[in-house]
Protein backbone atom coordinates (compact mmCIF):
# COMPACT_ATOMS: atom_id res chain seq x y z
CA MET A 1 -11.41 -6.11 5.60
CA TRP A 2 -8.63 -6.20 2.98
CA PRO A 3 -10.70 -4.65 0.17
CA LYS A 4 -11.54 -1.80 2.55
CA LEU A 5 -7.87 -1.32 3.38
CA ALA A 6 -6.93 -1.31 -0.27
CA CYS A 7 -9.48 1.43 -1.02
CA LEU A 8 -8.45 3.59 1.95
CA THR A 9 -4.74 3.31 1.11
CA LEU A 10 -5.01 6.01 -1.54
CA LEU A 11 -6.62 8.38 0.93
CA PHE A 12 -4.31 7.82 3.90
CA ALA A 13 -1.32 8.28 1.59
CA LEU A 14 -2.49 11.83 0.93
CA ALA A 15 -2.90 12.74 4.60
CA ASN A 16 0.11 15.10 4.75
CA CYS A 17 -0.88 17.09 1.65
CA ASN A 18 -3.79 19.37 0.87
CA TYR A 19 -5.98 18.34 -2.03
CA ASN A 20 -8.79 20.87 -1.95
CA GLY A 21 -10.62 20.77 -5.25
CA TYR A 22 -8.84 17.70 -6.62
CA LYS A 23 -11.25 15.26 -8.24
CA VAL A 24 -11.05 11.58 -9.16
CA LEU A 25 -12.54 10.29 -12.39
CA GLN A 26 -13.02 6.69 -13.41
CA THR A 27 -13.07 5.67 -17.05
CA GLU A 28 -15.16 2.94 -18.54
CA ASP A 29 -13.41 -0.34 -19.33
CA ILE A 30 -10.99 0.40 -22.18
CA HIS A 31 -10.80 -2.48 -24.64
CA SER A 32 -8.53 -0.77 -27.17
CA GLN A 33 -4.77 -1.03 -26.72
CA ALA A 34 -4.30 2.16 -28.76
CA LYS A 35 -6.65 4.12 -26.46
CA THR A 36 -4.93 2.72 -23.38
CA ILE A 37 -1.54 3.86 -24.70
CA GLU A 38 -2.89 7.31 -25.59
CA LEU A 39 -4.27 7.73 -22.06
CA ILE A 40 -0.93 6.81 -20.51
CA LYS A 41 0.91 9.19 -22.86
CA PHE A 42 -1.51 12.02 -22.05
CA ILE A 43 -1.08 11.65 -18.29
CA GLU A 44 2.70 11.24 -18.42
CA SER A 45 3.18 14.24 -20.74
CA ALA A 46 1.41 16.63 -18.36
CA ASP A 47 3.24 18.73 -15.80
CA GLU A 48 3.89 17.05 -12.46
CA GLY A 49 1.02 17.37 -10.05
CA ILE A 50 -1.79 17.74 -12.57
CA TYR A 51 -2.71 14.08 -12.92
CA ASP A 52 -2.03 10.97 -10.89
CA PHE A 53 -3.15 7.42 -11.70
CA TRP A 54 -4.94 5.85 -8.78
CA VAL A 55 -5.59 2.78 -10.90
CA SER A 56 -3.35 2.48 -13.96
CA PRO A 57 -5.07 1.64 -17.25
CA ARG A 58 -4.77 -1.73 -18.87
CA VAL A 59 -6.58 -3.22 -21.81
CA GLY A 60 -9.98 -4.54 -20.81
CA SER A 61 -10.20 -2.59 -17.56
CA TYR A 62 -10.82 0.93 -16.26
CA ALA A 63 -8.49 3.62 -14.97
CA LYS A 64 -8.88 6.00 -12.04
CA VAL A 65 -7.22 9.40 -12.32
CA MET A 66 -6.88 12.19 -9.77
CA VAL A 67 -7.10 15.56 -11.49
CA ALA A 68 -5.89 18.90 -10.15
CA PRO A 69 -8.27 21.88 -9.93
CA GLY A 70 -8.73 23.65 -13.22
CA HIS A 71 -7.81 20.67 -15.37
CA VAL A 72 -10.97 18.55 -15.31
CA SER A 73 -12.36 20.08 -18.51
CA GLU A 74 -9.04 19.47 -20.27
CA PHE A 75 -9.05 15.83 -19.18
CA GLU A 76 -12.68 15.29 -20.11
CA LYS A 77 -11.99 16.85 -23.53
CA PHE A 78 -9.19 14.35 -24.11
CA LEU A 79 -11.42 11.45 -23.05
CA LYS A 80 -14.16 12.65 -25.38
CA GLU A 81 -11.70 12.81 -28.28
CA GLN A 82 -10.74 9.21 -27.55
CA SER A 83 -14.40 8.16 -27.15
CA ILE A 84 -13.73 7.04 -23.57
CA ALA A 85 -16.65 7.54 -21.20
CA SER A 86 -15.99 8.49 -17.59
CA THR A 87 -17.76 9.14 -14.30
CA LEU A 88 -16.89 11.43 -11.41
CA LEU A 89 -15.84 9.17 -8.56
CA ILE A 90 -14.74 11.70 -5.91
CA GLU A 91 -15.92 15.33 -5.95
CA ASP A 92 -13.25 16.65 -3.58
CA VAL A 93 -10.30 14.49 -2.52
CA GLU A 94 -9.49 16.65 0.51
CA ILE A 95 -12.96 16.30 2.02
CA THR A 96 -12.96 12.55 1.42
CA ASN A 97 -9.45 12.28 2.83
CA GLN A 98 -10.47 14.10 6.01
CA ARG A 99 -13.39 11.75 6.49
CA ALA A 100 -11.15 8.71 6.01
CA SER A 101 -8.60 10.10 8.49
CA THR A 102 -11.36 10.59 11.05
CA VAL A 103 -12.41 6.96 10.67
CA GLN A 104 -8.79 5.86 11.09
CA ASN A 105 -8.37 7.90 14.27
CA VAL A 106 -11.55 6.44 15.76
CA LEU A 107 -10.40 2.91 14.99
CA ARG A 108 -7.07 3.56 16.68
CA LYS A 109 -8.82 4.81 19.83
CA LEU A 110 -11.03 1.71 19.89
CA LYS A 111 -8.06 -0.63 19.59
CA THR A 112 -8.06 -3.13 22.45
CA SER A 113 -5.09 -5.34 21.59
CA SER A 114 -1.84 -4.86 23.50
CA ARG A 115 0.11 -5.33 20.28
CA SER A 116 1.93 -2.47 18.58
CA ILE A 117 -0.30 -2.78 15.54
CA ASP A 118 -3.75 -3.92 14.50
CA PHE A 119 -5.08 -4.76 11.07
CA GLU A 120 -7.44 -1.85 10.55
CA ASN A 121 -4.71 0.76 9.97
CA TYR A 122 -1.43 1.25 8.13
CA TYR A 123 1.71 1.57 10.23
CA SER A 124 5.25 2.83 9.88
CA SER A 125 8.19 0.49 9.39
CA ASP A 126 9.23 1.11 13.01
CA ASP A 127 5.78 0.04 14.24
CA ILE A 128 5.92 -3.10 12.11
CA PHE A 129 9.39 -3.94 13.41
CA ALA A 130 8.24 -3.38 17.00
CA TYR A 131 5.50 -5.95 16.37
CA LEU A 132 8.08 -8.45 15.07
CA HIS A 133 10.11 -8.06 18.26
CA GLU A 134 6.99 -8.62 20.37
CA LEU A 135 6.44 -11.91 18.58
CA GLU A 136 10.09 -12.81 19.06
CA ALA A 137 9.77 -12.23 22.82
CA ASP A 138 6.65 -14.41 23.00
CA ASN A 139 7.96 -17.41 21.01
CA ASP A 140 11.24 -19.21 21.58
CA PHE A 141 11.28 -20.49 17.98
CA VAL A 142 11.06 -16.99 16.48
CA GLU A 143 14.06 -14.82 15.63
CA VAL A 144 14.21 -11.30 14.23
CA GLU A 145 17.37 -10.61 12.29
CA THR A 146 18.63 -7.45 10.60
CA TYR A 147 19.95 -8.44 7.19
CA GLY A 148 21.49 -5.04 6.49
CA LYS A 149 20.66 -1.40 5.97
CA SER A 150 18.70 0.39 3.28
CA TYR A 151 20.25 3.17 1.19
CA GLU A 152 18.99 5.71 3.73
CA GLY A 153 20.16 3.65 6.70
CA ARG A 154 16.95 1.94 7.78
CA ASP A 155 17.06 -1.61 9.11
CA LEU A 156 16.11 -4.44 6.75
CA LYS A 157 14.51 -6.89 9.16
CA VAL A 158 13.43 -10.46 8.66
CA ILE A 159 11.38 -12.54 11.05
CA LYS A 160 12.36 -16.21 11.07
CA ILE A 161 9.82 -18.76 12.29
CA LEU A 162 11.85 -21.91 12.85
CA LYS A 163 9.61 -24.27 14.81
CA ALA A 164 9.76 -27.00 12.16
CA GLY A 165 13.49 -27.51 12.67
CA PRO A 166 16.62 -27.51 10.48
CA ASN A 167 15.50 -30.32 8.17
CA ALA A 168 12.16 -28.78 7.20
CA PRO A 169 11.58 -26.90 3.94
CA ASN A 170 12.04 -23.13 4.11
CA ILE A 171 9.57 -20.61 2.72
CA PHE A 172 10.78 -17.07 1.96
CA ILE A 173 8.33 -14.19 1.64
CA GLU A 174 9.22 -10.61 0.67
CA ALA A 175 6.71 -7.76 0.81
CA GLY A 176 6.75 -4.02 0.26
CA ILE A 177 9.04 -3.83 -2.76
CA HIS A 178 7.27 -0.85 -4.34
CA ALA A 179 6.85 2.37 -2.37
CA ARG A 180 3.22 3.01 -3.31
CA GLU A 181 1.92 -0.46 -2.52
CA TRP A 182 1.02 0.02 1.14
CA ILE A 183 -1.11 -3.11 1.09
CA ALA A 184 1.99 -5.30 0.62
CA PRO A 185 3.71 -4.65 4.02
CA ALA A 186 0.28 -4.89 5.64
CA MET A 187 -0.34 -8.25 3.97
CA GLY A 188 3.14 -9.51 4.86
CA THR A 189 2.55 -8.54 8.48
CA TYR A 190 -0.86 -10.18 8.43
CA ILE A 191 0.67 -13.44 7.19
CA ILE A 192 3.07 -13.32 10.14
CA HIS A 193 0.15 -12.69 12.50
CA SER A 194 -1.86 -15.54 10.97
CA LEU A 195 1.00 -18.00 11.37
CA LEU A 196 1.86 -17.12 14.96
CA GLU A 197 -1.40 -15.93 16.49
CA ASP A 198 -4.12 -17.94 14.77
CA PRO A 199 -4.36 -21.49 16.20
CA GLU A 200 -5.93 -22.75 12.97
CA ASN A 201 -2.57 -22.31 11.21
CA ALA A 202 -0.42 -24.01 13.85
CA GLN A 203 -0.04 -27.09 11.65
CA TYR A 204 2.05 -25.15 9.13
CA LEU A 205 4.61 -24.23 11.78
CA ASP A 206 5.37 -27.92 12.25
CA GLN A 207 5.86 -28.50 8.52
CA PHE A 208 7.76 -25.43 7.29
CA ASN A 209 10.17 -22.75 8.40
CA PHE A 210 9.25 -19.22 7.37
CA HIS A 211 11.55 -16.28 6.61
CA ILE A 212 9.44 -13.16 6.08
CA MET A 213 10.61 -9.63 5.27
CA PRO A 214 7.52 -7.40 5.56
CA SER A 215 9.20 -4.23 4.27
CA VAL A 216 11.83 -4.77 1.58
CA ASN A 217 11.83 -1.11 0.63
CA PRO A 218 11.42 0.89 3.87
CA ASP A 219 12.90 4.03 2.29
CA GLY A 220 10.24 4.19 -0.39
CA TYR A 221 7.50 3.14 2.01
CA GLU A 222 8.32 5.92 4.48
CA PHE A 223 8.77 8.46 1.68
CA SER A 224 5.30 7.65 0.37
CA ARG A 225 3.85 8.20 3.84
CA GLU A 226 5.23 11.74 4.03
CA HIS A 227 5.20 13.01 0.45
CA VAL A 228 3.00 13.31 -2.60
CA ARG A 229 2.43 9.91 -4.17
CA TYR A 230 3.50 10.80 -7.71
CA ASN A 231 7.03 11.63 -6.53
CA VAL A 232 7.96 8.11 -5.42
CA SER A 233 9.21 6.66 -8.72
CA SER A 234 12.87 7.07 -7.75
CA TYR A 235 12.24 4.86 -4.72
CA ASP A 236 10.86 1.87 -6.67
């Protein structure tokens, strides 16, 4: 399930924008540090909106790059000059995005749980916080506390699972630091779910107290849900 969510993240993040004609290319594994640096420099020197890394390059691995219409030949020319092979991964991002959104809508309609969230979709900070309060209402050893406000005034909420008592070790987990990493709040929320709603993990509640903040950066997270992905750097 989680690999599927990680792949679909890039598509759901584009839901509020139109990407007709945008393509995604994947390079071969790049084993040269010099070539990796040149690729990064090429992408970052271009005008905003032309290129966006879906997977950033690192030595020994591949990169995935979304390319705006009219710039594929330019990008392929650069790759050829650097002797970096590539393959076309997505022919049209908008078409693929629409298909992914349709799948997401179907999954939401099929949802049978009474909870505010499931683990087949990505949710807003408010939806995640609503789920925390549901768990608080269902468990007398669970507390949801607001530690403060974000720069834009959003709540910074922590769920405290305190069944083990005051003398037990405390485990602190923070998720969602970077705006683009949608998988992190989802994973933080899933850890909370696993601890409180999966009987197989009940033993841990007797050994440790947990303090979990599933969305450390709600401003950046919400911005990335509503805007183009390559404009989120100021929120990280």
